[in-house]
C-alpha cells in the first residue's frame, strides 16, 4: 500500500509538467494563478518536493483536472463512480465531480483548527455551503463565521482563507470554477410562478 502511494506521488511531477506545457504556461504564470512560488512549482515538477493536498488542490483547479487524475489513480473498470477521499493535515476532501474543466465540486471536512489564517489568492470563483459545524472565512477585510445552511461566494483573486470557527469539525461543500464561472441558485418566489436568479 505504501509502495503504491509512493509510486503515485512520484508520478505527480511529470504529470504536472505535462499539464503545464499543454496549456503553454510558464512557471511564473502558473505561480500567479495558484499563489504557489516558482521555486516550489519547479521542485514539484522535478520530484524533489513531495506534493501535499494544499499544493495539489490549486494546481488541479487551474489545470481543470480532478485530484484523481493528477495523482494517476488507476481506473476500476466499474462504470459506477468510486469517489476516493484524500486526507491531509486534518482536512478530508472528497471530489464530487470527475470531468475535466468546468465547475469542480468537493465535499470538505476539517477536523482540527488550522493555524493562524494565511490568506491566498488565485484565479477562479468559489462557492461554499456549510453542511455541519461552523466555518470561519477570512475574505479580504472580512472575518466571517458561517453556520449550517449558510453560503458564501467570492472571486478567489481576493485574499481568502477558511477553517473551523471553533474546536468542532466543520463539513461543507465547495464549488470552484475558472474566472467568469459562477454558481447560480434558481428559486421560485413565494406566491409567484416566475423564477428568480441568485448568483
Protein backbone atom coordinates (compact mmCIF):
# COMPACT_ATOMS: atom_id res chain seq x y z
CA UNK A 1 0.00 0.00 0.00
CA UNK A 2 2.80 2.41 0.95
CA UNK A 3 4.71 1.47 -2.23
CA UNK A 4 1.63 2.24 -4.35
CA UNK A 5 1.29 5.63 -2.66
CA UNK A 6 4.96 6.45 -3.24
CA UNK A 7 4.69 5.45 -6.92
CA UNK A 8 1.60 7.65 -7.37
CA UNK A 9 3.31 10.63 -5.73
CA UNK A 10 6.48 10.09 -7.79
CA UNK A 11 4.39 10.30 -10.98
CA UNK A 12 2.83 13.65 -10.00
CA UNK A 13 5.85 15.75 -11.06
CA UNK A 14 5.98 14.62 -14.71
CA UNK A 15 2.16 14.87 -14.89
CA UNK A 16 2.25 18.46 -13.58
CA UNK A 17 4.93 19.40 -16.11
CA UNK A 18 2.95 17.85 -18.97
CA UNK A 19 -0.26 19.66 -17.94
CA UNK A 20 1.53 23.00 -17.72
CA UNK A 21 3.17 22.52 -21.13
CA UNK A 22 -0.19 21.53 -22.66
CA UNK A 23 -1.52 24.89 -21.51
CA UNK A 24 1.69 26.57 -22.78
CA UNK A 25 2.06 28.25 -19.40
CA UNK A 26 5.33 29.29 -17.77
CA UNK A 27 6.16 28.56 -14.14
CA UNK A 28 5.80 32.29 -13.45
CA UNK A 29 2.30 32.35 -14.96
CA UNK A 30 1.31 29.23 -13.00
CA UNK A 31 2.67 30.83 -9.83
CA UNK A 32 0.45 33.87 -10.40
CA UNK A 33 -2.60 31.65 -10.99
CA UNK A 34 -2.08 29.40 -7.95
CA UNK A 35 -0.28 31.56 -5.40
CA UNK A 36 2.47 28.88 -5.18
CA UNK A 37 6.05 30.13 -5.54
CA UNK A 38 8.01 29.43 -8.74
CA UNK A 39 10.68 27.52 -6.78
CA UNK A 40 8.07 25.25 -5.15
CA UNK A 41 6.41 24.59 -8.53
CA UNK A 42 9.79 23.77 -10.06
CA UNK A 43 10.63 21.34 -7.22
CA UNK A 44 7.20 19.70 -7.54
CA UNK A 45 7.71 19.12 -11.25
CA UNK A 46 11.23 17.76 -10.77
CA UNK A 47 10.08 15.46 -7.95
CA UNK A 48 12.32 17.00 -5.28
CA UNK A 49 9.30 18.39 -3.37
CA UNK A 50 6.70 15.94 -2.05
CA UNK A 51 3.19 17.03 -3.14
CA UNK A 52 0.66 17.86 -0.43
CA UNK A 53 -3.09 18.41 -0.62
CA UNK A 54 -2.58 22.16 -0.09
CA UNK A 55 -0.36 22.27 -3.20
CA UNK A 56 -2.29 19.81 -5.37
CA UNK A 57 -5.73 21.40 -4.90
CA UNK A 58 -4.98 24.79 -6.54
CA UNK A 59 -2.95 23.03 -9.26
CA UNK A 60 -5.84 20.66 -10.06
CA UNK A 61 -8.20 23.64 -10.17
CA UNK A 62 -6.02 25.69 -12.51
CA UNK A 63 -5.33 22.75 -14.84
CA UNK A 64 -9.02 21.76 -14.87
CA UNK A 65 -8.45 18.18 -13.71
CA UNK A 66 -9.58 16.18 -10.69
CA UNK A 67 -7.21 15.17 -7.90
CA UNK A 68 -7.57 11.53 -9.01
CA UNK A 69 -6.36 12.47 -12.49
CA UNK A 70 -3.49 14.47 -11.05
CA UNK A 71 -2.17 11.60 -8.93
CA UNK A 72 -2.98 8.97 -11.58
CA UNK A 73 -5.49 6.90 -9.62
CA UNK A 74 -5.99 3.62 -11.53
CA UNK A 75 -9.34 3.07 -13.30
CA UNK A 76 -11.55 0.50 -11.62
CA UNK A 77 -13.21 -0.89 -14.75
CA UNK A 78 -16.53 -0.37 -13.00
CA UNK A 79 -18.96 2.15 -14.58
CA UNK A 80 -20.00 3.38 -11.15
CA UNK A 81 -18.08 6.36 -9.78
CA UNK A 82 -15.85 5.44 -6.86
CA UNK A 83 -15.04 8.68 -5.10
CA UNK A 84 -11.84 8.45 -3.09
CA UNK A 85 -11.32 10.89 -0.24
CA UNK A 86 -7.90 12.47 0.26
CA UNK A 87 -6.89 13.28 3.84
CA UNK A 88 -4.01 15.56 4.81
CA UNK A 89 -3.32 17.69 7.90
CA UNK A 90 -6.83 17.49 9.39
CA UNK A 91 -8.56 18.06 6.03
CA UNK A 92 -10.55 15.38 4.22
CA UNK A 93 -11.53 16.23 0.66
CA UNK A 94 -13.95 14.17 -1.42
CA UNK A 95 -14.19 15.13 -5.12
CA UNK A 96 -17.81 15.10 -6.30
CA UNK A 97 -17.04 15.69 -9.99
CA UNK A 98 -14.73 13.78 -12.32
CA UNK A 99 -14.87 15.71 -15.58
CA UNK A 100 -12.02 18.00 -16.52
CA UNK A 101 -12.82 21.69 -16.87
CA UNK A 102 -15.99 23.47 -15.84
CA UNK A 103 -17.09 23.80 -12.24
CA UNK A 104 -15.46 21.34 -9.83
CA UNK A 105 -17.32 20.22 -6.70
CA UNK A 106 -15.79 18.95 -3.45
CA UNK A 107 -17.09 17.91 -0.05
CA UNK A 108 -14.58 19.02 2.58
CA UNK A 109 -14.34 18.09 6.26
CA UNK A 110 -11.96 19.99 8.55
CA UNK A 111 -11.44 18.13 11.83
CA UNK A 112 -8.99 20.38 13.61
CA UNK A 113 -8.36 24.08 13.95
CA UNK A 114 -5.87 25.28 11.43
CA UNK A 115 -3.03 27.66 12.21
CA UNK A 116 -3.42 31.41 12.01
CA UNK A 117 -5.08 32.49 8.76
CA UNK A 118 -2.72 32.83 5.80
CA UNK A 119 -4.96 34.19 3.01
CA UNK A 120 -4.08 33.07 -0.53
CA UNK A 121 -5.12 34.32 -3.97
CA UNK A 122 -5.52 32.54 -7.32
CA UNK A 123 -7.64 32.72 -10.46
CA UNK A 124 -11.21 31.49 -10.18
CA UNK A 125 -14.52 31.80 -8.41
CA UNK A 126 -15.62 29.76 -5.37
CA UNK A 127 -18.92 28.99 -3.66
CA UNK A 128 -19.06 27.46 -0.15
CA UNK A 129 -22.09 25.91 1.58
CA UNK A 130 -21.86 24.74 5.20
CA UNK A 131 -23.46 21.37 5.98
CA UNK A 132 -22.43 20.92 9.62
CA UNK A 133 -20.32 22.83 12.15
CA UNK A 134 -19.17 26.45 11.90
CA UNK A 135 -16.81 27.65 9.18
CA UNK A 136 -14.60 30.69 9.63
CA UNK A 137 -13.99 32.53 6.36
CA UNK A 138 -11.42 35.30 6.09
CA UNK A 139 -12.10 37.18 2.85
CA UNK A 140 -10.21 40.39 2.20
CA UNK A 141 -11.03 42.66 5.15
CA UNK A 142 -13.95 40.48 6.26
CA UNK A 143 -13.74 37.82 9.00
CA UNK A 144 -16.98 35.80 8.94
CA UNK A 145 -18.42 32.70 10.61
CA UNK A 146 -20.85 30.63 8.54
CA UNK A 147 -23.35 28.30 10.25
CA UNK A 148 -25.09 25.25 8.69
CA UNK A 149 -27.27 26.30 5.76
CA UNK A 150 -25.26 29.47 5.09
CA UNK A 151 -23.27 30.04 1.91
CA UNK A 152 -20.63 32.41 0.61
CA UNK A 153 -19.36 33.08 -2.91
CA UNK A 154 -16.33 35.09 -3.90
CA UNK A 155 -13.72 35.87 -6.51
CA UNK A 156 -10.60 33.91 -5.48
CA UNK A 157 -8.38 36.79 -6.59
CA UNK A 158 -9.48 38.34 -3.27
CA UNK A 159 -7.16 37.05 -0.48
CA UNK A 160 -9.08 34.28 1.30
CA UNK A 161 -8.71 31.54 3.92
CA UNK A 162 -11.12 29.21 5.71
CA UNK A 163 -11.05 26.84 8.68
CA UNK A 164 -13.10 25.64 11.67
CA UNK A 165 -14.51 28.51 13.73
CA UNK A 166 -14.05 26.50 16.94
CA UNK A 167 -12.75 23.13 18.15
CA UNK A 168 -15.56 21.19 16.46
CA UNK A 169 -15.26 19.66 12.96
CA UNK A 170 -16.87 21.53 10.07
CA UNK A 171 -18.29 19.95 6.91
CA UNK A 172 -19.03 21.96 3.77
CA UNK A 173 -19.41 21.85 0.01
CA UNK A 174 -17.07 23.77 -2.28
CA UNK A 175 -17.82 24.59 -5.91
CA UNK A 176 -14.92 26.04 -7.84
CA UNK A 177 -14.82 27.40 -11.38
CA UNK A 178 -12.40 29.31 -13.50
CA UNK A 179 -12.73 33.08 -13.68
CA UNK A 180 -16.13 34.09 -15.01
CA UNK A 181 -17.94 30.91 -13.91
CA UNK A 182 -20.32 31.38 -11.01
CA UNK A 183 -22.66 29.11 -9.11
CA UNK A 184 -26.31 30.13 -9.56
CA UNK A 185 -29.31 29.21 -7.45
CA UNK A 186 -32.75 29.22 -9.06
CA UNK A 187 -35.61 29.60 -6.62
CA UNK A 188 -39.35 30.02 -7.14
CA UNK A 189 -40.52 33.12 -5.20
CA UNK A 190 -43.33 32.65 -2.69
CA UNK A 191 -46.74 33.32 -4.19
CA UNK A 192 -45.37 33.64 -7.71
CA UNK A 193 -44.97 31.47 -10.75
CA UNK A 194 -41.84 33.06 -12.16
CA UNK A 195 -38.26 32.21 -11.29
CA UNK A 196 -35.71 34.34 -9.53
CA UNK A 197 -31.99 34.05 -10.02
CA UNK A 198 -29.43 34.50 -7.32
CA UNK A 199 -25.83 34.41 -8.44
